[in-house]
Amino acid sequence: MDRINKYRQIVHQFLEDFAKNDAHAQLIFDIDRDRYLVMHNEWRDDYRIYGCAMQLDIIEGQIWIQHNSTEIYIERELIKRDVSLQDIIFGFRSPSIRKLLANVKVT
């Protein structure tokens, strides 16, 4: 299996595992464009909860973490699932910060 298909499977399974215990989580997979989101859309009494919990994209063979409003360290979870650290990009950070992060090791 090529790397991109492997990463697609990893992203799908990771997001499905994340959402499996949350009846209000909505998985949105745009397979043609390699964009993957977990959205919330629910009401708690008179308070509406709506928004993106996390978004991952696969761009040029790398997994881009575009958004994370959870307490999960997505990069650590991806590394545990056999994604190379060099193939994880923090898309929510500015390009100048991403350059600095390229030299940081995740533990």
N, C-alpha and C. Protein backbone atom coordinates (compact mmCIF):
# COMPACT_ATOMS: atom_id res chain seq x y z
N MET A 1 0.85 -1.18 0.00
CA MET A 1 0.00 0.00 0.00
C MET A 1 0.89 1.24 0.00
N ASP A 2 0.54 2.20 -0.84
CA ASP A 2 1.36 3.40 -0.87
C ASP A 2 1.10 4.27 0.37
N ARG A 3 1.99 5.17 0.61
CA ARG A 3 1.96 5.99 1.82
C ARG A 3 0.67 6.82 1.94
N ILE A 4 0.21 7.40 0.84
CA ILE A 4 -0.98 8.25 0.92
C ILE A 4 -2.21 7.43 1.30
N ASN A 5 -2.37 6.26 0.70
CA ASN A 5 -3.50 5.41 1.08
C ASN A 5 -3.39 4.95 2.53
N LYS A 6 -2.19 4.66 2.96
CA LYS A 6 -1.96 4.29 4.36
C LYS A 6 -2.38 5.44 5.27
N TYR A 7 -1.97 6.66 4.94
CA TYR A 7 -2.31 7.83 5.75
C TYR A 7 -3.81 8.09 5.74
N ARG A 8 -4.46 7.85 4.60
CA ARG A 8 -5.93 8.00 4.56
C ARG A 8 -6.59 7.04 5.54
N GLN A 9 -6.15 5.81 5.54
CA GLN A 9 -6.72 4.83 6.46
C GLN A 9 -6.47 5.22 7.91
N ILE A 10 -5.27 5.70 8.20
CA ILE A 10 -4.94 6.11 9.56
C ILE A 10 -5.81 7.28 9.99
N VAL A 11 -5.96 8.28 9.13
CA VAL A 11 -6.79 9.45 9.46
C VAL A 11 -8.24 9.02 9.67
N HIS A 12 -8.77 8.21 8.76
CA HIS A 12 -10.15 7.74 8.90
C HIS A 12 -10.34 7.03 10.24
N GLN A 13 -9.46 6.10 10.55
CA GLN A 13 -9.61 5.32 11.78
C GLN A 13 -9.44 6.19 13.02
N PHE A 14 -8.48 7.10 12.99
CA PHE A 14 -8.27 8.00 14.13
C PHE A 14 -9.52 8.84 14.40
N LEU A 15 -10.09 9.44 13.35
CA LEU A 15 -11.27 10.27 13.54
C LEU A 15 -12.49 9.44 13.94
N GLU A 16 -12.63 8.26 13.38
CA GLU A 16 -13.72 7.38 13.77
C GLU A 16 -13.59 6.97 15.24
N ASP A 17 -12.37 6.65 15.68
CA ASP A 17 -12.15 6.32 17.09
C ASP A 17 -12.47 7.51 17.99
N PHE A 18 -12.08 8.71 17.54
CA PHE A 18 -12.36 9.91 18.32
C PHE A 18 -13.86 10.13 18.48
N ALA A 19 -14.62 9.90 17.42
CA ALA A 19 -16.05 10.22 17.41
C ALA A 19 -16.95 9.09 17.91
N LYS A 20 -16.42 7.90 18.10
CA LYS A 20 -17.30 6.75 18.35
C LYS A 20 -18.11 6.86 19.64
N ASN A 21 -17.64 7.57 20.63
CA ASN A 21 -18.37 7.68 21.89
C ASN A 21 -19.11 9.00 22.02
N ASP A 22 -19.24 9.72 20.94
CA ASP A 22 -19.92 11.02 20.95
C ASP A 22 -21.03 10.99 19.91
N ALA A 23 -22.25 10.84 20.38
CA ALA A 23 -23.39 10.73 19.47
C ALA A 23 -23.60 11.98 18.64
N HIS A 24 -23.04 13.11 19.07
CA HIS A 24 -23.25 14.37 18.35
C HIS A 24 -22.10 14.71 17.39
N ALA A 25 -21.07 13.90 17.40
CA ALA A 25 -19.94 14.15 16.49
C ALA A 25 -20.34 13.76 15.08
N GLN A 26 -20.04 14.63 14.15
CA GLN A 26 -20.33 14.37 12.74
C GLN A 26 -19.00 14.26 12.00
N LEU A 27 -18.79 13.13 11.36
CA LEU A 27 -17.59 12.93 10.57
C LEU A 27 -17.86 13.39 9.15
N ILE A 28 -17.00 14.24 8.64
CA ILE A 28 -17.15 14.75 7.28
C ILE A 28 -15.85 14.42 6.55
N PHE A 29 -15.94 13.51 5.60
CA PHE A 29 -14.78 13.06 4.85
C PHE A 29 -14.97 13.44 3.39
N ASP A 30 -14.11 14.32 2.89
CA ASP A 30 -14.07 14.65 1.47
C ASP A 30 -12.88 13.89 0.88
N ILE A 31 -13.16 12.69 0.45
CA ILE A 31 -12.09 11.79 0.03
C ILE A 31 -11.41 12.28 -1.25
N ASP A 32 -12.17 12.91 -2.15
CA ASP A 32 -11.59 13.41 -3.39
C ASP A 32 -10.55 14.49 -3.15
N ARG A 33 -10.77 15.30 -2.13
CA ARG A 33 -9.84 16.41 -1.83
C ARG A 33 -8.98 16.14 -0.60
N ASP A 34 -9.15 14.97 0.02
CA ASP A 34 -8.40 14.59 1.23
C ASP A 34 -8.56 15.61 2.35
N ARG A 35 -9.81 15.94 2.66
CA ARG A 35 -10.13 16.82 3.79
C ARG A 35 -11.05 16.05 4.73
N TYR A 36 -10.71 16.09 6.02
CA TYR A 36 -11.41 15.26 7.00
C TYR A 36 -11.69 16.09 8.25
N LEU A 37 -12.97 16.15 8.64
CA LEU A 37 -13.37 16.99 9.77
C LEU A 37 -14.23 16.21 10.76
N VAL A 38 -14.19 16.66 12.00
CA VAL A 38 -15.16 16.26 13.01
C VAL A 38 -15.87 17.52 13.44
N MET A 39 -17.18 17.54 13.24
CA MET A 39 -18.00 18.70 13.60
C MET A 39 -18.94 18.33 14.74
N HIS A 40 -19.34 19.34 15.50
CA HIS A 40 -20.37 19.17 16.52
C HIS A 40 -21.53 20.09 16.19
N ASN A 41 -22.72 19.55 16.33
CA ASN A 41 -23.93 20.33 16.09
C ASN A 41 -25.00 19.78 17.03
N GLU A 42 -25.21 20.47 18.14
CA GLU A 42 -26.15 19.97 19.13
C GLU A 42 -26.64 21.12 20.02
N TRP A 43 -27.62 20.80 20.82
CA TRP A 43 -28.15 21.74 21.82
C TRP A 43 -28.00 21.14 23.20
N ARG A 44 -27.59 21.94 24.15
CA ARG A 44 -27.61 21.59 25.58
C ARG A 44 -28.47 22.63 26.25
N ASP A 45 -29.68 22.20 26.55
CA ASP A 45 -30.71 23.11 27.03
C ASP A 45 -30.91 24.20 25.97
N ASP A 46 -30.71 25.46 26.33
CA ASP A 46 -30.88 26.55 25.38
C ASP A 46 -29.57 27.02 24.76
N TYR A 47 -28.52 26.24 24.92
CA TYR A 47 -27.20 26.63 24.43
C TYR A 47 -26.84 25.76 23.22
N ARG A 48 -26.53 26.42 22.12
CA ARG A 48 -26.16 25.68 20.91
C ARG A 48 -24.65 25.46 20.89
N ILE A 49 -24.28 24.23 20.59
CA ILE A 49 -22.88 23.87 20.43
C ILE A 49 -22.69 23.53 18.96
N TYR A 50 -21.88 24.33 18.29
CA TYR A 50 -21.65 24.12 16.87
C TYR A 50 -20.22 24.51 16.56
N GLY A 51 -19.52 23.65 15.86
CA GLY A 51 -18.17 24.00 15.43
C GLY A 51 -17.35 22.79 15.08
N CYS A 52 -16.19 23.09 14.57
CA CYS A 52 -15.24 22.07 14.15
C CYS A 52 -14.36 21.67 15.33
N ALA A 53 -14.36 20.38 15.65
CA ALA A 53 -13.49 19.89 16.72
C ALA A 53 -12.07 19.68 16.19
N MET A 54 -11.97 19.13 15.01
CA MET A 54 -10.65 18.96 14.40
C MET A 54 -10.79 18.80 12.89
N GLN A 55 -9.75 19.25 12.20
CA GLN A 55 -9.68 19.09 10.75
C GLN A 55 -8.28 18.63 10.38
N LEU A 56 -8.24 17.57 9.59
CA LEU A 56 -6.98 17.05 9.06
C LEU A 56 -7.10 17.01 7.54
N ASP A 57 -6.05 17.43 6.87
CA ASP A 57 -5.98 17.34 5.41
C ASP A 57 -4.74 16.53 5.05
N ILE A 58 -4.80 15.87 3.92
CA ILE A 58 -3.61 15.24 3.36
C ILE A 58 -3.24 16.05 2.13
N ILE A 59 -2.06 16.66 2.20
CA ILE A 59 -1.58 17.53 1.13
C ILE A 59 -0.18 17.07 0.74
N GLU A 60 -0.02 16.71 -0.51
CA GLU A 60 1.27 16.28 -1.05
C GLU A 60 1.94 15.21 -0.18
N GLY A 61 1.13 14.25 0.25
CA GLY A 61 1.66 13.12 1.00
C GLY A 61 1.92 13.37 2.48
N GLN A 62 1.50 14.51 2.99
CA GLN A 62 1.70 14.82 4.40
C GLN A 62 0.35 15.10 5.05
N ILE A 63 0.25 14.80 6.33
CA ILE A 63 -0.98 15.07 7.08
C ILE A 63 -0.85 16.44 7.72
N TRP A 64 -1.76 17.32 7.35
CA TRP A 64 -1.80 18.68 7.88
C TRP A 64 -2.86 18.76 8.97
N ILE A 65 -2.45 19.14 10.16
CA ILE A 65 -3.40 19.40 11.24
C ILE A 65 -3.83 20.85 11.07
N GLN A 66 -5.03 21.04 10.52
CA GLN A 66 -5.51 22.38 10.22
C GLN A 66 -6.22 23.02 11.40
N HIS A 67 -6.83 22.19 12.25
CA HIS A 67 -7.56 22.73 13.40
C HIS A 67 -7.66 21.66 14.46
N ASN A 68 -7.55 22.08 15.72
CA ASN A 68 -7.71 21.16 16.85
C ASN A 68 -8.26 21.95 18.03
N SER A 69 -9.53 21.76 18.32
CA SER A 69 -10.12 22.42 19.49
C SER A 69 -10.37 21.41 20.61
N THR A 70 -9.58 20.35 20.62
CA THR A 70 -9.69 19.32 21.65
C THR A 70 -8.45 19.38 22.54
N GLU A 71 -8.43 18.52 23.53
CA GLU A 71 -7.26 18.42 24.40
C GLU A 71 -6.33 17.29 23.97
N ILE A 72 -6.60 16.73 22.82
CA ILE A 72 -5.81 15.61 22.30
C ILE A 72 -4.61 16.17 21.54
N TYR A 73 -3.46 15.57 21.75
CA TYR A 73 -2.28 15.88 20.95
C TYR A 73 -2.35 15.00 19.70
N ILE A 74 -2.93 15.54 18.66
CA ILE A 74 -3.17 14.77 17.45
C ILE A 74 -1.87 14.20 16.90
N GLU A 75 -0.81 14.99 16.91
CA GLU A 75 0.46 14.51 16.35
C GLU A 75 0.96 13.27 17.08
N ARG A 76 0.79 13.21 18.38
CA ARG A 76 1.22 12.03 19.14
C ARG A 76 0.40 10.81 18.76
N GLU A 77 -0.90 11.03 18.59
CA GLU A 77 -1.77 9.92 18.20
C GLU A 77 -1.43 9.40 16.80
N LEU A 78 -1.10 10.31 15.90
CA LEU A 78 -0.72 9.89 14.55
C LEU A 78 0.60 9.13 14.55
N ILE A 79 1.55 9.61 15.34
CA ILE A 79 2.85 8.92 15.43
C ILE A 79 2.66 7.51 15.98
N LYS A 80 1.79 7.35 16.98
CA LYS A 80 1.50 6.02 17.52
C LYS A 80 0.92 5.09 16.46
N ARG A 81 0.28 5.69 15.47
CA ARG A 81 -0.35 4.92 14.40
C ARG A 81 0.56 4.79 13.18
N ASP A 82 1.83 5.06 13.37
CA ASP A 82 2.87 4.84 12.35
C ASP A 82 2.92 5.91 11.26
N VAL A 83 2.62 7.16 11.64
CA VAL A 83 2.83 8.29 10.73
C VAL A 83 4.18 8.89 11.07
N SER A 84 4.99 9.13 10.08
CA SER A 84 6.30 9.74 10.28
C SER A 84 6.14 11.18 10.76
N LEU A 85 6.92 11.57 11.74
CA LEU A 85 6.87 12.94 12.25
C LEU A 85 7.11 13.96 11.14
N GLN A 86 7.97 13.62 10.18
CA GLN A 86 8.26 14.53 9.07
C GLN A 86 7.05 14.73 8.17
N ASP A 87 6.07 13.86 8.28
CA ASP A 87 4.87 13.96 7.45
C ASP A 87 3.69 14.57 8.20
N ILE A 88 3.95 15.17 9.35
CA ILE A 88 2.90 15.86 10.11
C ILE A 88 3.20 17.35 10.08
N ILE A 89 2.26 18.12 9.57
CA ILE A 89 2.42 19.56 9.43
C ILE A 89 1.38 20.26 10.29
N PHE A 90 1.81 21.25 11.05
CA PHE A 90 0.90 22.04 11.88
C PHE A 90 0.37 23.20 11.05
N GLY A 91 -0.67 22.93 10.28
CA GLY A 91 -1.22 23.92 9.36
C GLY A 91 -1.83 25.12 10.06
N PHE A 92 -2.18 24.97 11.33
CA PHE A 92 -2.77 26.08 12.08
C PHE A 92 -1.70 27.05 12.60
N ARG A 93 -0.45 26.73 12.39
CA ARG A 93 0.66 27.62 12.77
C ARG A 93 1.15 28.37 11.54
N SER A 94 1.70 29.54 11.76
CA SER A 94 2.22 30.33 10.64
C SER A 94 3.43 29.60 10.04
N PRO A 95 3.73 29.87 8.77
CA PRO A 95 4.88 29.21 8.14
C PRO A 95 6.19 29.44 8.91
N SER A 96 6.38 30.61 9.49
CA SER A 96 7.63 30.86 10.23
C SER A 96 7.72 29.99 11.48
N ILE A 97 6.61 29.77 12.15
CA ILE A 97 6.60 28.91 13.34
C ILE A 97 6.77 27.45 12.93
N ARG A 98 6.16 27.06 11.81
CA ARG A 98 6.30 25.68 11.34
C ARG A 98 7.76 25.34 11.08
N LYS A 99 8.54 26.30 10.58
CA LYS A 99 9.97 26.06 10.35
C LYS A 99 10.68 25.76 11.67
N LEU A 100 10.32 26.50 12.72
CA LEU A 100 10.92 26.26 14.04
C LEU A 100 10.52 24.90 14.59
N LEU A 101 9.26 24.53 14.39
CA LEU A 101 8.75 23.26 14.91
C LEU A 101 9.33 22.06 14.18
N ALA A 102 9.83 22.26 12.98
CA ALA A 102 10.39 21.15 12.22
C ALA A 102 11.58 20.52 12.94
N ASN A 103 12.20 21.25 13.84
CA ASN A 103 13.38 20.73 14.55
C ASN A 103 13.04 20.22 15.96
N VAL A 104 11.76 20.23 16.34
CA VAL A 104 11.35 19.82 17.67
C VAL A 104 10.95 18.36 17.64
N LYS A 105 11.36 17.60 18.65
CA LYS A 105 10.98 16.21 18.75
C LYS A 105 9.73 16.09 19.64
N VAL A 106 8.81 15.24 19.21
CA VAL A 106 7.59 14.98 19.98
C VAL A 106 7.81 13.74 20.81
N THR A 107 7.48 13.86 22.09
CA THR A 107 7.62 12.69 22.98
C THR A 107 6.30 12.24 23.51
